[in-house]
Amino acid sequence: CVGAYVFLQDKGVVETLLARETILATGGLGQL
């Protein structure tokens, strides 16, 4: 993994964010 595509809601654009390390900390899935 080298980063993420990130959608900036206020600008309506997608940024390509590169990273040496990426951590997922997105929480749960209760809304399913």
PDB file of all heavy atoms in Angstrom:
ATOM      1  N   CYS A   1       0.856  -1.193   0.000  1.00  0.00           N
ATOM      2  CA  CYS A   1       0.000   0.000   0.000  1.00  0.00           C
ATOM      3  C   CYS A   1       0.889   1.238   0.000  1.00  0.00           C
ATOM      4  O   CYS A   1       1.867   1.312   0.752  1.00  0.00           O
ATOM      5  CB  CYS A   1      -0.905   0.001   1.221  1.00  0.00           C
ATOM      6  SG  CYS A   1      -1.925   1.477   1.380  1.00  0.00           S
ATOM      7  N   VAL A   2       0.544   2.220  -0.842  1.00  0.00           N
ATOM      8  CA  VAL A   2       1.360   3.446  -0.916  1.00  0.00           C
ATOM      9  C   VAL A   2       0.545   4.701  -0.631  1.00  0.00           C
ATOM     10  O   VAL A   2       1.010   5.814  -0.860  1.00  0.00           O
ATOM     11  CB  VAL A   2       2.057   3.566  -2.288  1.00  0.00           C
ATOM     12  CG1 VAL A   2       3.085   2.456  -2.467  1.00  0.00           C
ATOM     13  CG2 VAL A   2       1.038   3.567  -3.434  1.00  0.00           C
ATOM     14  N   GLY A   3      -0.681   4.540  -0.098  1.00  0.00           N
ATOM     15  CA  GLY A   3      -1.498   5.705   0.219  1.00  0.00           C
ATOM     16  C   GLY A   3      -2.957   5.469  -0.095  1.00  0.00           C
ATOM     17  O   GLY A   3      -3.453   4.339  -0.033  1.00  0.00           O
ATOM     18  N   ALA A   4      -3.646   6.545  -0.478  1.00  0.00           N
ATOM     19  CA  ALA A   4      -5.086   6.431  -0.742  1.00  0.00           C
ATOM     20  C   ALA A   4      -5.553   7.538  -1.674  1.00  0.00           C
ATOM     21  O   ALA A   4      -4.975   8.632  -1.711  1.00  0.00           O
ATOM     22  CB  ALA A   4      -5.870   6.501   0.570  1.00  0.00           C
ATOM     23  N   TYR A   5      -6.617   7.235  -2.423  1.00  0.00           N
ATOM     24  CA  TYR A   5      -7.392   8.277  -3.090  1.00  0.00           C
ATOM     25  C   TYR A   5      -8.346   8.851  -2.037  1.00  0.00           C
ATOM     26  O   TYR A   5      -9.055   8.091  -1.361  1.00  0.00           O
ATOM     27  CB  TYR A   5      -8.245   7.698  -4.220  1.00  0.00           C
ATOM     28  CG  TYR A   5      -7.537   7.343  -5.496  1.00  0.00           C
ATOM     29  CD1 TYR A   5      -7.762   6.105  -6.109  1.00  0.00           C
ATOM     30  CD2 TYR A   5      -6.688   8.249  -6.138  1.00  0.00           C
ATOM     31  CE1 TYR A   5      -7.148   5.763  -7.307  1.00  0.00           C
ATOM     32  CE2 TYR A   5      -6.059   7.915  -7.340  1.00  0.00           C
ATOM     33  CZ  TYR A   5      -6.292   6.676  -7.914  1.00  0.00           C
ATOM     34  OH  TYR A   5      -5.685   6.346  -9.095  1.00  0.00           O
ATOM     35  N   VAL A   6      -8.372  10.169  -1.909  1.00  0.00           N
ATOM     36  CA  VAL A   6      -9.225  10.802  -0.911  1.00  0.00           C
ATOM     37  C   VAL A   6     -10.083  11.879  -1.573  1.00  0.00           C
ATOM     38  O   VAL A   6      -9.558  12.760  -2.265  1.00  0.00           O
ATOM     39  CB  VAL A   6      -8.384  11.417   0.231  1.00  0.00           C
ATOM     40  CG1 VAL A   6      -9.279  12.168   1.214  1.00  0.00           C
ATOM     41  CG2 VAL A   6      -7.609  10.330   0.967  1.00  0.00           C
ATOM     42  N   PHE A   7     -11.390  11.794  -1.362  1.00  0.00           N
ATOM     43  CA  PHE A   7     -12.337  12.768  -1.917  1.00  0.00           C
ATOM     44  C   PHE A   7     -12.514  13.914  -0.929  1.00  0.00           C
ATOM     45  O   PHE A   7     -12.939  13.709   0.211  1.00  0.00           O
ATOM     46  CB  PHE A   7     -13.682  12.085  -2.181  1.00  0.00           C
ATOM     47  CG  PHE A   7     -14.768  13.020  -2.627  1.00  0.00           C
ATOM     48  CD1 PHE A   7     -14.648  13.747  -3.810  1.00  0.00           C
ATOM     49  CD2 PHE A   7     -15.922  13.172  -1.879  1.00  0.00           C
ATOM     50  CE1 PHE A   7     -15.655  14.613  -4.228  1.00  0.00           C
ATOM     51  CE2 PHE A   7     -16.934  14.029  -2.292  1.00  0.00           C
ATOM     52  CZ  PHE A   7     -16.796  14.747  -3.467  1.00  0.00           C
ATOM     53  N   LEU A   8     -12.165  15.137  -1.368  1.00  0.00           N
ATOM     54  CA  LEU A   8     -12.353  16.342  -0.546  1.00  0.00           C
ATOM     55  C   LEU A   8     -13.748  16.875  -0.834  1.00  0.00           C
ATOM     56  O   LEU A   8     -14.010  17.451  -1.888  1.00  0.00           O
ATOM     57  CB  LEU A   8     -11.284  17.379  -0.867  1.00  0.00           C
ATOM     58  CG  LEU A   8      -9.829  16.906  -0.764  1.00  0.00           C
ATOM     59  CD1 LEU A   8      -8.862  18.043  -1.070  1.00  0.00           C
ATOM     60  CD2 LEU A   8      -9.540  16.322   0.619  1.00  0.00           C
ATOM     61  N   GLN A   9     -14.641  16.673   0.118  1.00  0.00           N
ATOM     62  CA  GLN A   9     -16.059  16.958  -0.108  1.00  0.00           C
ATOM     63  C   GLN A   9     -16.330  18.423  -0.443  1.00  0.00           C
ATOM     64  O   GLN A   9     -17.137  18.733  -1.325  1.00  0.00           O
ATOM     65  CB  GLN A   9     -16.874  16.544   1.128  1.00  0.00           C
ATOM     66  CG  GLN A   9     -16.811  15.070   1.447  1.00  0.00           C
ATOM     67  CD  GLN A   9     -17.395  14.757   2.805  1.00  0.00           C
ATOM     68  OE1 GLN A   9     -18.203  15.506   3.339  1.00  0.00           O
ATOM     69  NE2 GLN A   9     -16.973  13.641   3.393  1.00  0.00           N
ATOM     70  N   ASP A  10     -15.662  19.342   0.263  1.00  0.00           N
ATOM     71  CA  ASP A  10     -15.941  20.770   0.061  1.00  0.00           C
ATOM     72  C   ASP A  10     -15.503  21.255  -1.314  1.00  0.00           C
ATOM     73  O   ASP A  10     -16.128  22.143  -1.897  1.00  0.00           O
ATOM     74  CB  ASP A  10     -15.251  21.603   1.151  1.00  0.00           C
ATOM     75  CG  ASP A  10     -15.763  21.265   2.546  1.00  0.00           C
ATOM     76  OD1 ASP A  10     -16.894  20.736   2.636  1.00  0.00           O
ATOM     77  OD2 ASP A  10     -15.043  21.504   3.530  1.00  0.00           O
ATOM     78  N   LYS A  11     -14.429  20.674  -1.844  1.00  0.00           N
ATOM     79  CA  LYS A  11     -13.909  21.098  -3.148  1.00  0.00           C
ATOM     80  C   LYS A  11     -14.424  20.238  -4.299  1.00  0.00           C
ATOM     81  O   LYS A  11     -14.333  20.621  -5.464  1.00  0.00           O
ATOM     82  CB  LYS A  11     -12.373  21.045  -3.139  1.00  0.00           C
ATOM     83  CG  LYS A  11     -11.719  21.997  -2.146  1.00  0.00           C
ATOM     84  CD  LYS A  11     -10.205  21.851  -2.189  1.00  0.00           C
ATOM     85  CE  LYS A  11      -9.526  22.789  -1.197  1.00  0.00           C
ATOM     86  NZ  LYS A  11      -8.047  22.611  -1.198  1.00  0.00           N
ATOM     87  N   GLY A  12     -14.931  19.039  -3.975  1.00  0.00           N
ATOM     88  CA  GLY A  12     -15.417  18.142  -5.014  1.00  0.00           C
ATOM     89  C   GLY A  12     -14.312  17.539  -5.853  1.00  0.00           C
ATOM     90  O   GLY A  12     -14.531  17.177  -7.010  1.00  0.00           O
ATOM     91  N   VAL A  13     -13.116  17.415  -5.284  1.00  0.00           N
ATOM     92  CA  VAL A  13     -11.978  16.870  -6.030  1.00  0.00           C
ATOM     93  C   VAL A  13     -11.385  15.675  -5.288  1.00  0.00           C
ATOM     94  O   VAL A  13     -11.579  15.510  -4.082  1.00  0.00           O
ATOM     95  CB  VAL A  13     -10.879  17.936  -6.258  1.00  0.00           C
ATOM     96  CG1 VAL A  13     -11.428  19.105  -7.069  1.00  0.00           C
ATOM     97  CG2 VAL A  13     -10.295  18.418  -4.928  1.00  0.00           C
ATOM     98  N   VAL A  14     -10.638  14.847  -6.040  1.00  0.00           N
ATOM     99  CA  VAL A  14      -9.974  13.680  -5.462  1.00  0.00           C
ATOM    100  C   VAL A  14      -8.475  13.956  -5.392  1.00  0.00           C
ATOM    101  O   VAL A  14      -7.862  14.338  -6.398  1.00  0.00           O
ATOM    102  CB  VAL A  14     -10.235  12.420  -6.299  1.00  0.00           C
ATOM    103  CG1 VAL A  14      -9.433  11.229  -5.761  1.00  0.00           C
ATOM    104  CG2 VAL A  14     -11.727  12.092  -6.305  1.00  0.00           C
ATOM    105  N   GLU A  15      -7.900  13.779  -4.217  1.00  0.00           N
ATOM    106  CA  GLU A  15      -6.460  13.946  -4.031  1.00  0.00           C
ATOM    107  C   GLU A  15      -5.811  12.568  -3.954  1.00  0.00           C
ATOM    108  O   GLU A  15      -6.365  11.642  -3.340  1.00  0.00           O
ATOM    109  CB  GLU A  15      -6.162  14.722  -2.744  1.00  0.00           C
ATOM    110  CG  GLU A  15      -6.559  16.169  -2.810  1.00  0.00           C
ATOM    111  CD  GLU A  15      -5.382  17.103  -2.548  1.00  0.00           C
ATOM    112  OE1 GLU A  15      -4.335  16.627  -2.092  1.00  0.00           O
ATOM    113  OE2 GLU A  15      -5.546  18.308  -2.805  1.00  0.00           O
ATOM    114  N   THR A  16      -4.635  12.447  -4.556  1.00  0.00           N
ATOM    115  CA  THR A  16      -3.836  11.237  -4.423  1.00  0.00           C
ATOM    116  C   THR A  16      -2.842  11.475  -3.297  1.00  0.00           C
ATOM    117  O   THR A  16      -1.899  12.248  -3.453  1.00  0.00           O
ATOM    118  CB  THR A  16      -3.094  10.933  -5.740  1.00  0.00           C
ATOM    119  OG1 THR A  16      -4.051  10.769  -6.777  1.00  0.00           O
ATOM    120  CG2 THR A  16      -2.259   9.663  -5.610  1.00  0.00           C
ATOM    121  N   LEU A  17      -3.097  10.862  -2.145  1.00  0.00           N
ATOM    122  CA  LEU A  17      -2.238  11.066  -0.976  1.00  0.00           C
ATOM    123  C   LEU A  17      -1.296   9.869  -0.834  1.00  0.00           C
ATOM    124  O   LEU A  17      -1.749   8.750  -0.575  1.00  0.00           O
ATOM    125  CB  LEU A  17      -3.072  11.235   0.293  1.00  0.00           C
ATOM    126  CG  LEU A  17      -4.011  12.451   0.330  1.00  0.00           C
ATOM    127  CD1 LEU A  17      -4.716  12.537   1.677  1.00  0.00           C
ATOM    128  CD2 LEU A  17      -3.250  13.739   0.059  1.00  0.00           C
ATOM    129  N   LEU A  18      -0.002  10.116  -1.016  1.00  0.00           N
ATOM    130  CA  LEU A  18       0.994   9.046  -0.892  1.00  0.00           C
ATOM    131  C   LEU A  18       1.535   9.004   0.531  1.00  0.00           C
ATOM    132  O   LEU A  18       1.625  10.038   1.205  1.00  0.00           O
ATOM    133  CB  LEU A  18       2.131   9.275  -1.887  1.00  0.00           C
ATOM    134  CG  LEU A  18       1.717   9.296  -3.363  1.00  0.00           C
ATOM    135  CD1 LEU A  18       2.917   9.585  -4.249  1.00  0.00           C
ATOM    136  CD2 LEU A  18       1.061   7.982  -3.765  1.00  0.00           C
ATOM    137  N   ALA A  19       1.899   7.810   0.982  1.00  0.00           N
ATOM    138  CA  ALA A  19       2.359   7.659   2.365  1.00  0.00           C
ATOM    139  C   ALA A  19       3.334   6.502   2.495  1.00  0.00           C
ATOM    140  O   ALA A  19       3.175   5.474   1.832  1.00  0.00           O
ATOM    141  CB  ALA A  19       1.157   7.408   3.288  1.00  0.00           C
ATOM    142  N   ARG A  20       4.322   6.698   3.355  1.00  0.00           N
ATOM    143  CA  ARG A  20       5.237   5.589   3.666  1.00  0.00           C
ATOM    144  C   ARG A  20       4.494   4.487   4.409  1.00  0.00           C
ATOM    145  O   ARG A  20       4.780   3.312   4.235  1.00  0.00           O
ATOM    146  CB  ARG A  20       6.408   6.109   4.492  1.00  0.00           C
ATOM    147  CG  ARG A  20       7.304   7.076   3.729  1.00  0.00           C
ATOM    148  CD  ARG A  20       8.405   7.643   4.632  1.00  0.00           C
ATOM    149  NE  ARG A  20       9.213   8.597   3.886  1.00  0.00           N
ATOM    150  CZ  ARG A  20       8.901   9.884   3.750  1.00  0.00           C
ATOM    151  NH1 ARG A  20       7.805  10.364   4.324  1.00  0.00           N
ATOM    152  NH2 ARG A  20       9.674  10.691   3.043  1.00  0.00           N
ATOM    153  N   GLU A  21       3.573   4.893   5.279  1.00  0.00           N
ATOM    154  CA  GLU A  21       2.740   3.943   6.016  1.00  0.00           C
ATOM    155  C   GLU A  21       1.309   4.483   6.049  1.00  0.00           C
ATOM    156  O   GLU A  21       1.105   5.696   6.172  1.00  0.00           O
ATOM    157  CB  GLU A  21       3.229   3.751   7.455  1.00  0.00           C
ATOM    158  CG  GLU A  21       4.543   3.003   7.577  1.00  0.00           C
ATOM    159  CD  GLU A  21       4.358   1.491   7.609  1.00  0.00           C
ATOM    160  OE1 GLU A  21       3.210   1.022   7.677  1.00  0.00           O
ATOM    161  OE2 GLU A  21       5.391   0.779   7.585  1.00  0.00           O
ATOM    162  N   THR A  22       0.347   3.602   5.934  1.00  0.00           N
ATOM    163  CA  THR A  22      -1.068   3.974   6.000  1.00  0.00           C
ATOM    164  C   THR A  22      -1.727   3.163   7.102  1.00  0.00           C
ATOM    165  O   THR A  22      -1.509   1.953   7.203  1.00  0.00           O
ATOM    166  CB  THR A  22      -1.767   3.694   4.656  1.00  0.00           C
ATOM    167  OG1 THR A  22      -1.121   4.442   3.626  1.00  0.00           O
ATOM    168  CG2 THR A  22      -3.241   4.079   4.706  1.00  0.00           C
ATOM    169  N   ILE A  23      -2.531   3.836   7.938  1.00  0.00           N
ATOM    170  CA  ILE A  23      -3.266   3.138   8.996  1.00  0.00           C
ATOM    171  C   ILE A  23      -4.758   3.304   8.755  1.00  0.00           C
ATOM    172  O   ILE A  23      -5.258   4.417   8.628  1.00  0.00           O
ATOM    173  CB  ILE A  23      -2.928   3.689  10.405  1.00  0.00           C
ATOM    174  CG1 ILE A  23      -1.436   3.582  10.687  1.00  0.00           C
ATOM    175  CG2 ILE A  23      -3.736   2.938  11.464  1.00  0.00           C
ATOM    176  CD1 ILE A  23      -1.046   4.090  12.068  1.00  0.00           C
ATOM    177  N   LEU A  24      -5.456   2.183   8.684  1.00  0.00           N
ATOM    178  CA  LEU A  24      -6.910   2.207   8.668  1.00  0.00           C
ATOM    179  C   LEU A  24      -7.396   2.312  10.106  1.00  0.00           C
ATOM    180  O   LEU A  24      -7.051   1.478  10.943  1.00  0.00           O
ATOM    181  CB  LEU A  24      -7.467   0.928   8.044  1.00  0.00           C
ATOM    182  CG  LEU A  24      -7.468   0.814   6.524  1.00  0.00           C
ATOM    183  CD1 LEU A  24      -7.858  -0.605   6.121  1.00  0.00           C
ATOM    184  CD2 LEU A  24      -8.403   1.814   5.897  1.00  0.00           C
ATOM    185  N   ALA A  25      -8.200   3.331  10.389  1.00  0.00           N
ATOM    186  CA  ALA A  25      -8.808   3.472  11.721  1.00  0.00           C
ATOM    187  C   ALA A  25     -10.241   3.958  11.526  1.00  0.00           C
ATOM    188  O   ALA A  25     -10.665   4.963  12.098  1.00  0.00           O
ATOM    189  CB  ALA A  25      -7.998   4.439  12.575  1.00  0.00           C
ATOM    190  N   THR A  26     -10.976   3.236  10.690  1.00  0.00           N
ATOM    191  CA  THR A  26     -12.277   3.692  10.209  1.00  0.00           C
ATOM    192  C   THR A  26     -13.461   3.225  11.058  1.00  0.00           C
ATOM    193  O   THR A  26     -14.608   3.506  10.719  1.00  0.00           O
ATOM    194  CB  THR A  26     -12.498   3.201   8.763  1.00  0.00           C
ATOM    195  OG1 THR A  26     -12.283   1.789   8.726  1.00  0.00           O
ATOM    196  CG2 THR A  26     -11.532   3.864   7.801  1.00  0.00           C
ATOM    197  N   GLY A  27     -13.199   2.500  12.137  1.00  0.00           N
ATOM    198  CA  GLY A  27     -14.283   2.078  13.012  1.00  0.00           C
ATOM    199  C   GLY A  27     -15.059   0.884  12.497  1.00  0.00           C
ATOM    200  O   GLY A  27     -14.535   0.061  11.741  1.00  0.00           O
ATOM    201  N   GLY A  28     -16.329   0.817  12.865  1.00  0.00           N
ATOM    202  CA  GLY A  28     -17.104  -0.399  12.674  1.00  0.00           C
ATOM    203  C   GLY A  28     -18.000  -0.410  11.453  1.00  0.00           C
ATOM    204  O   GLY A  28     -17.832   0.372  10.515  1.00  0.00           O
ATOM    205  N   LEU A  29     -19.016  -1.290  11.499  1.00  0.00           N
ATOM    206  CA  LEU A  29     -19.898  -1.497  10.359  1.00  0.00           C
ATOM    207  C   LEU A  29     -21.357  -1.648  10.768  1.00  0.00           C
ATOM    208  O   LEU A  29     -22.170  -2.233  10.051  1.00  0.00           O
ATOM    209  CB  LEU A  29     -19.432  -2.727   9.556  1.00  0.00           C
ATOM    210  CG  LEU A  29     -19.009  -3.998  10.303  1.00  0.00           C
ATOM    211  CD1 LEU A  29     -20.187  -4.737  10.906  1.00  0.00           C
ATOM    212  CD2 LEU A  29     -18.238  -4.914   9.376  1.00  0.00           C
ATOM    213  N   GLY A  30     -21.711  -1.080  11.912  1.00  0.00           N
ATOM    214  CA  GLY A  30     -23.071  -1.227  12.438  1.00  0.00           C
ATOM    215  C   GLY A  30     -24.156  -0.719  11.516  1.00  0.00           C
ATOM    216  O   GLY A  30     -25.294  -1.197  11.556  1.00  0.00           O
ATOM    217  N   GLN A  31     -23.827   0.272  10.659  1.00  0.00           N
ATOM    218  CA  GLN A  31     -24.841   0.838   9.778  1.00  0.00           C
ATOM    219  C   GLN A  31     -25.290  -0.130   8.686  1.00  0.00           C
ATOM    220  O   GLN A  31     -26.226   0.173   7.942  1.00  0.00           O
ATOM    221  CB  GLN A  31     -24.323   2.137   9.149  1.00  0.00           C
ATOM    222  CG  GLN A  31     -24.229   3.306  10.113  1.00  0.00           C
ATOM    223  CD  GLN A  31     -25.578   3.740  10.664  1.00  0.00           C
ATOM    224  OE1 GLN A  31     -26.613   3.536  10.047  1.00  0.00           O
ATOM    225  NE2 GLN A  31     -25.568   4.343  11.842  1.00  0.00           N
ATOM    226  N   LEU A  32     -24.648  -1.290   8.593  1.00  0.00           N
ATOM    227  CA  LEU A  32     -25.122  -2.310   7.656  1.00  0.00           C
ATOM    228  C   LEU A  32     -26.412  -2.955   8.146  1.00  0.00           C
ATOM    229  O   LEU A  32     -27.078  -3.663   7.393  1.00  0.00           O
ATOM    230  CB  LEU A  32     -24.065  -3.409   7.481  1.00  0.00           C
ATOM    231  CG  LEU A  32     -22.672  -2.989   7.007  1.00  0.00           C
ATOM    232  CD1 LEU A  32     -21.792  -4.219   6.842  1.00  0.00           C
ATOM    233  CD2 LEU A  32     -22.747  -2.195   5.713  1.00  0.00           C
TER     234      LEU A  32
END
